N, C-alpha and C. Protein backbone atom coordinates (compact mmCIF):
# COMPACT_ATOMS: atom_id res chain seq x y z
N MET A 1 5.00 -20.53 13.51
CA MET A 1 4.70 -19.29 12.79
C MET A 1 4.76 -19.56 11.30
N PRO A 2 3.91 -18.90 10.52
CA PRO A 2 3.94 -19.08 9.07
C PRO A 2 5.15 -18.38 8.46
N GLU A 3 5.54 -18.82 7.29
CA GLU A 3 6.61 -18.17 6.57
C GLU A 3 6.08 -16.89 5.96
N VAL A 4 6.93 -15.89 5.86
CA VAL A 4 6.56 -14.62 5.25
C VAL A 4 7.58 -14.35 4.16
N ILE A 5 7.12 -14.02 2.98
CA ILE A 5 8.03 -13.68 1.89
C ILE A 5 8.22 -12.18 1.89
N ILE A 6 9.46 -11.76 2.00
CA ILE A 6 9.80 -10.35 1.96
C ILE A 6 10.60 -10.11 0.70
N ASP A 7 10.16 -9.18 -0.14
CA ASP A 7 10.85 -8.91 -1.39
C ASP A 7 12.21 -8.31 -1.10
N GLY A 8 13.22 -8.77 -1.84
CA GLY A 8 14.55 -8.20 -1.73
C GLY A 8 14.59 -6.86 -2.44
N PHE A 9 15.57 -6.03 -2.13
CA PHE A 9 15.69 -4.73 -2.77
C PHE A 9 16.04 -4.86 -4.24
N ASP A 10 16.53 -6.04 -4.64
CA ASP A 10 16.83 -6.27 -6.05
C ASP A 10 15.64 -6.91 -6.75
N LYS A 11 14.46 -6.86 -6.14
CA LYS A 11 13.20 -7.38 -6.68
C LYS A 11 13.11 -8.90 -6.67
N THR A 12 13.99 -9.58 -5.95
CA THR A 12 13.87 -11.02 -5.81
C THR A 12 13.17 -11.33 -4.51
N ALA A 13 12.46 -12.44 -4.46
CA ALA A 13 11.78 -12.84 -3.24
C ALA A 13 12.78 -13.46 -2.28
N ILE A 14 12.68 -13.08 -1.02
CA ILE A 14 13.55 -13.62 0.02
C ILE A 14 12.67 -14.33 1.03
N PRO A 15 12.75 -15.66 1.13
CA PRO A 15 11.90 -16.36 2.09
C PRO A 15 12.43 -16.23 3.51
N LEU A 16 11.58 -15.77 4.40
CA LEU A 16 11.95 -15.58 5.79
C LEU A 16 10.91 -16.21 6.69
N LYS A 17 11.31 -16.56 7.89
CA LYS A 17 10.38 -17.03 8.91
C LYS A 17 10.47 -16.07 10.07
N VAL A 18 9.36 -15.47 10.45
CA VAL A 18 9.32 -14.56 11.58
C VAL A 18 8.95 -15.37 12.81
N ASN A 19 9.82 -15.38 13.80
CA ASN A 19 9.60 -16.13 15.02
C ASN A 19 8.73 -15.34 16.00
N SER A 20 8.17 -16.00 16.98
CA SER A 20 7.28 -15.35 17.93
C SER A 20 7.98 -14.25 18.73
N ASP A 21 9.31 -14.30 18.85
CA ASP A 21 10.03 -13.26 19.58
C ASP A 21 10.42 -12.09 18.69
N GLY A 22 9.99 -12.13 17.41
CA GLY A 22 10.29 -11.04 16.49
C GLY A 22 11.56 -11.23 15.68
N SER A 23 12.35 -12.25 16.02
CA SER A 23 13.56 -12.50 15.25
C SER A 23 13.19 -13.13 13.91
N ILE A 24 14.08 -13.02 12.97
CA ILE A 24 13.82 -13.53 11.63
C ILE A 24 14.87 -14.56 11.26
N ASP A 25 14.43 -15.72 10.80
CA ASP A 25 15.33 -16.78 10.36
C ASP A 25 15.31 -16.86 8.84
N THR A 26 16.45 -17.26 8.30
CA THR A 26 16.56 -17.50 6.87
C THR A 26 16.01 -18.87 6.53
N ILE A 27 15.27 -18.95 5.44
CA ILE A 27 14.85 -20.23 4.90
C ILE A 27 15.60 -20.36 3.58
N SER A 28 16.39 -21.41 3.44
CA SER A 28 17.20 -21.56 2.24
C SER A 28 16.34 -21.56 0.99
N SER A 29 16.82 -20.86 -0.02
CA SER A 29 16.10 -20.85 -1.29
C SER A 29 16.54 -22.03 -2.13
N SER A 30 15.85 -22.24 -3.24
CA SER A 30 16.19 -23.37 -4.11
C SER A 30 17.59 -23.23 -4.68
N SER A 31 18.09 -22.01 -4.77
CA SER A 31 19.45 -21.81 -5.29
C SER A 31 20.49 -22.03 -4.20
N GLY A 32 20.03 -22.24 -2.96
CA GLY A 32 20.96 -22.45 -1.86
C GLY A 32 21.50 -21.16 -1.28
N THR A 33 20.99 -20.02 -1.77
CA THR A 33 21.48 -18.73 -1.30
C THR A 33 20.71 -18.32 -0.06
N GLY A 34 21.41 -18.02 1.01
CA GLY A 34 20.77 -17.52 2.22
C GLY A 34 20.77 -16.02 2.23
N ILE A 35 20.11 -15.43 3.19
CA ILE A 35 20.08 -13.97 3.28
C ILE A 35 20.59 -13.51 4.65
N ASN A 36 21.43 -14.30 5.28
CA ASN A 36 21.91 -13.93 6.60
C ASN A 36 22.53 -12.54 6.61
N ASP A 37 23.36 -12.21 5.62
CA ASP A 37 23.98 -10.89 5.63
C ASP A 37 22.94 -9.81 5.37
N PHE A 38 21.89 -10.09 4.60
CA PHE A 38 20.82 -9.12 4.37
C PHE A 38 20.13 -8.77 5.68
N SER A 39 19.70 -9.80 6.43
CA SER A 39 18.94 -9.54 7.65
C SER A 39 19.81 -8.92 8.74
N LEU A 40 21.10 -9.14 8.69
CA LEU A 40 21.98 -8.58 9.72
C LEU A 40 22.36 -7.13 9.43
N ARG A 41 22.12 -6.66 8.22
CA ARG A 41 22.50 -5.29 7.88
C ARG A 41 21.56 -4.25 8.47
N PHE A 42 20.36 -4.66 8.88
CA PHE A 42 19.35 -3.70 9.29
C PHE A 42 18.76 -4.01 10.66
N THR A 43 18.41 -2.95 11.37
CA THR A 43 17.56 -3.08 12.54
C THR A 43 16.18 -3.38 12.01
N GLN A 44 15.48 -4.30 12.64
CA GLN A 44 14.14 -4.68 12.18
C GLN A 44 13.13 -4.52 13.30
N ARG A 45 12.01 -3.87 12.98
CA ARG A 45 10.90 -3.73 13.92
C ARG A 45 9.71 -4.42 13.28
N ILE A 46 8.95 -5.16 14.09
CA ILE A 46 7.80 -5.89 13.57
C ILE A 46 6.61 -5.65 14.48
N GLU A 47 5.49 -5.26 13.88
CA GLU A 47 4.23 -5.15 14.61
C GLU A 47 3.32 -6.25 14.09
N TYR A 48 2.68 -6.99 15.01
CA TYR A 48 1.84 -8.12 14.65
C TYR A 48 0.36 -7.74 14.69
N ASN A 49 -0.43 -8.42 13.86
CA ASN A 49 -1.88 -8.23 13.90
C ASN A 49 -2.50 -9.14 14.95
N GLY A 50 -3.81 -9.14 15.06
CA GLY A 50 -4.52 -9.94 16.06
C GLY A 50 -4.34 -11.44 15.90
N SER A 51 -3.96 -11.89 14.70
CA SER A 51 -3.71 -13.31 14.45
C SER A 51 -2.24 -13.67 14.65
N ASN A 52 -1.46 -12.73 15.20
CA ASN A 52 -0.04 -12.92 15.46
C ASN A 52 0.78 -13.08 14.17
N LEU A 53 0.32 -12.43 13.11
CA LEU A 53 1.05 -12.39 11.85
C LEU A 53 1.66 -11.01 11.69
N PRO A 54 2.83 -10.89 11.05
CA PRO A 54 3.43 -9.57 10.86
C PRO A 54 2.51 -8.65 10.05
N LEU A 55 2.21 -7.50 10.59
CA LEU A 55 1.40 -6.51 9.90
C LEU A 55 2.29 -5.44 9.27
N PHE A 56 3.23 -4.91 10.08
CA PHE A 56 4.20 -3.94 9.60
C PHE A 56 5.60 -4.48 9.89
N ILE A 57 6.49 -4.34 8.92
CA ILE A 57 7.90 -4.66 9.14
C ILE A 57 8.69 -3.43 8.70
N GLY A 58 9.54 -2.95 9.60
CA GLY A 58 10.38 -1.80 9.30
C GLY A 58 11.84 -2.19 9.33
N LEU A 59 12.61 -1.62 8.42
CA LEU A 59 14.05 -1.84 8.36
C LEU A 59 14.74 -0.48 8.43
N ALA A 60 15.87 -0.45 9.13
CA ALA A 60 16.66 0.78 9.21
C ALA A 60 18.11 0.41 9.52
N ILE A 61 18.98 1.36 9.32
CA ILE A 61 20.39 1.17 9.67
C ILE A 61 20.48 0.98 11.18
N PRO A 62 21.32 0.04 11.66
CA PRO A 62 21.45 -0.15 13.11
C PRO A 62 21.74 1.16 13.83
N GLY A 63 21.07 1.36 14.95
CA GLY A 63 21.24 2.56 15.75
C GLY A 63 20.25 3.66 15.40
N THR A 64 19.42 3.45 14.39
CA THR A 64 18.44 4.45 13.97
C THR A 64 17.35 4.60 15.02
N ASN A 65 17.02 5.84 15.34
CA ASN A 65 15.94 6.14 16.28
C ASN A 65 14.60 5.84 15.61
N ILE A 66 13.65 5.30 16.37
CA ILE A 66 12.34 4.95 15.79
C ILE A 66 11.57 6.18 15.33
N GLY A 67 11.97 7.37 15.78
CA GLY A 67 11.32 8.61 15.36
C GLY A 67 12.00 9.30 14.19
N SER A 68 13.06 8.70 13.66
CA SER A 68 13.77 9.28 12.51
C SER A 68 13.06 8.93 11.21
N SER A 69 13.14 9.82 10.25
CA SER A 69 12.52 9.56 8.94
C SER A 69 13.49 8.82 8.02
N THR A 70 13.98 7.68 8.53
CA THR A 70 14.97 6.89 7.79
C THR A 70 14.62 5.41 7.81
N TRP A 71 13.33 5.09 7.87
CA TRP A 71 12.87 3.71 7.91
C TRP A 71 12.26 3.30 6.57
N HIS A 72 12.45 2.05 6.22
CA HIS A 72 11.78 1.40 5.10
C HIS A 72 10.67 0.57 5.74
N ILE A 73 9.41 0.87 5.42
CA ILE A 73 8.29 0.22 6.10
C ILE A 73 7.38 -0.47 5.08
N ARG A 74 7.02 -1.71 5.41
CA ARG A 74 6.11 -2.49 4.57
C ARG A 74 4.90 -2.91 5.40
N LYS A 75 3.77 -2.97 4.74
CA LYS A 75 2.54 -3.45 5.37
C LYS A 75 2.09 -4.70 4.63
N TYR A 76 1.71 -5.72 5.38
CA TYR A 76 1.31 -7.00 4.80
C TYR A 76 -0.20 -7.16 4.87
N ILE A 77 -0.78 -7.56 3.74
CA ILE A 77 -2.22 -7.81 3.63
C ILE A 77 -2.40 -9.32 3.55
N TYR A 78 -3.37 -9.85 4.29
CA TYR A 78 -3.57 -11.29 4.38
C TYR A 78 -4.94 -11.71 3.89
N ASN A 79 -4.99 -12.90 3.34
CA ASN A 79 -6.23 -13.62 3.08
C ASN A 79 -6.14 -14.84 3.98
N GLY A 80 -6.84 -14.80 5.09
CA GLY A 80 -6.66 -15.84 6.11
C GLY A 80 -5.26 -15.70 6.71
N PHE A 81 -4.47 -16.76 6.62
CA PHE A 81 -3.11 -16.72 7.14
C PHE A 81 -2.07 -16.57 6.04
N ASN A 82 -2.51 -16.30 4.83
CA ASN A 82 -1.60 -16.16 3.69
C ASN A 82 -1.38 -14.70 3.35
N ALA A 83 -0.12 -14.28 3.32
CA ALA A 83 0.21 -12.93 2.88
C ALA A 83 -0.06 -12.85 1.38
N THR A 84 -0.92 -11.92 0.98
CA THR A 84 -1.30 -11.81 -0.43
C THR A 84 -0.78 -10.54 -1.08
N GLU A 85 -0.38 -9.57 -0.26
CA GLU A 85 0.10 -8.30 -0.78
C GLU A 85 1.12 -7.70 0.17
N VAL A 86 2.12 -7.04 -0.41
CA VAL A 86 3.09 -6.28 0.36
C VAL A 86 3.02 -4.85 -0.16
N LEU A 87 2.69 -3.91 0.73
CA LEU A 87 2.55 -2.51 0.34
C LEU A 87 3.64 -1.68 1.02
N PHE A 88 4.02 -0.58 0.38
CA PHE A 88 5.09 0.27 0.90
C PHE A 88 4.52 1.57 1.48
N ALA A 89 5.06 1.98 2.63
CA ALA A 89 4.65 3.24 3.25
C ALA A 89 4.95 4.38 2.28
N SER A 90 4.00 5.27 2.11
CA SER A 90 4.11 6.41 1.19
C SER A 90 4.36 5.98 -0.24
N GLY A 91 4.11 4.70 -0.54
CA GLY A 91 4.29 4.21 -1.90
C GLY A 91 5.73 4.14 -2.37
N THR A 92 6.68 4.11 -1.43
CA THR A 92 8.09 4.10 -1.81
C THR A 92 8.84 3.00 -1.08
N ASN A 93 9.86 2.46 -1.74
CA ASN A 93 10.71 1.47 -1.09
C ASN A 93 11.98 2.12 -0.53
N GLN A 94 11.99 3.43 -0.44
CA GLN A 94 13.13 4.17 0.10
C GLN A 94 13.10 4.20 1.63
N PHE A 95 14.21 4.54 2.24
CA PHE A 95 14.33 4.66 3.70
C PHE A 95 14.01 6.10 4.10
N VAL A 96 12.72 6.46 4.05
CA VAL A 96 12.33 7.86 4.28
C VAL A 96 11.14 8.00 5.23
N ASN A 97 10.74 6.93 5.88
CA ASN A 97 9.55 6.97 6.74
C ASN A 97 9.90 6.88 8.22
N ILE A 98 8.92 7.17 9.06
CA ILE A 98 9.08 7.16 10.52
C ILE A 98 8.37 5.93 11.07
N TRP A 99 9.08 5.13 11.88
CA TRP A 99 8.45 3.96 12.47
C TRP A 99 7.45 4.37 13.55
N SER A 100 7.87 5.24 14.46
CA SER A 100 7.01 5.62 15.57
C SER A 100 7.26 7.08 15.94
N GLY A 101 6.33 7.94 15.56
CA GLY A 101 6.43 9.36 15.89
C GLY A 101 5.18 9.81 16.61
N THR A 102 5.16 11.04 17.06
CA THR A 102 4.02 11.53 17.83
C THR A 102 2.80 11.80 16.96
N THR A 103 2.99 12.30 15.73
CA THR A 103 1.85 12.57 14.86
C THR A 103 1.85 11.75 13.58
N ILE A 104 3.00 11.25 13.17
CA ILE A 104 3.08 10.43 11.97
C ILE A 104 3.90 9.18 12.29
N ASN A 105 3.40 8.05 11.83
CA ASN A 105 4.12 6.79 12.07
C ASN A 105 3.61 5.75 11.09
N ARG A 106 4.06 4.52 11.26
CA ARG A 106 3.74 3.45 10.32
C ARG A 106 2.23 3.25 10.11
N THR A 107 1.40 3.62 11.08
CA THR A 107 -0.04 3.40 10.94
C THR A 107 -0.74 4.54 10.20
N THR A 108 -0.09 5.68 10.04
CA THR A 108 -0.74 6.84 9.43
C THR A 108 -0.36 7.06 7.96
N TYR A 109 0.63 6.34 7.46
CA TYR A 109 1.03 6.52 6.07
C TYR A 109 0.01 5.91 5.11
N PRO A 110 -0.10 6.49 3.90
CA PRO A 110 -0.83 5.78 2.85
C PRO A 110 0.08 4.66 2.34
N TYR A 111 -0.49 3.52 2.00
CA TYR A 111 0.30 2.37 1.52
C TYR A 111 -0.13 2.00 0.12
N SER A 112 0.87 1.76 -0.70
CA SER A 112 0.61 1.29 -2.07
C SER A 112 1.81 0.50 -2.57
């Protein structure tokens, strides 16, 4: 699987590898800082595109229902197999979106 860069909430890049089973591994940064505690703090949901690359990644507090409006959702735009853009659901990096609802969900939000 290709590496995916997910921006940290402090605006730093966090290098991650998304495995085929949906789990996420830390890739050590040049500073030697890992993000194990970051990835363990949140429930993570990942939807893949037809090329088996992450299309949507959602983060929420463990135990959060997928229909609750408490998800942080990102959409990845690719050029071939390279992620070129990371967009936020509803244009916000806040935990205010729904991963999977009956009328609104990660696929219906505007992304910017």
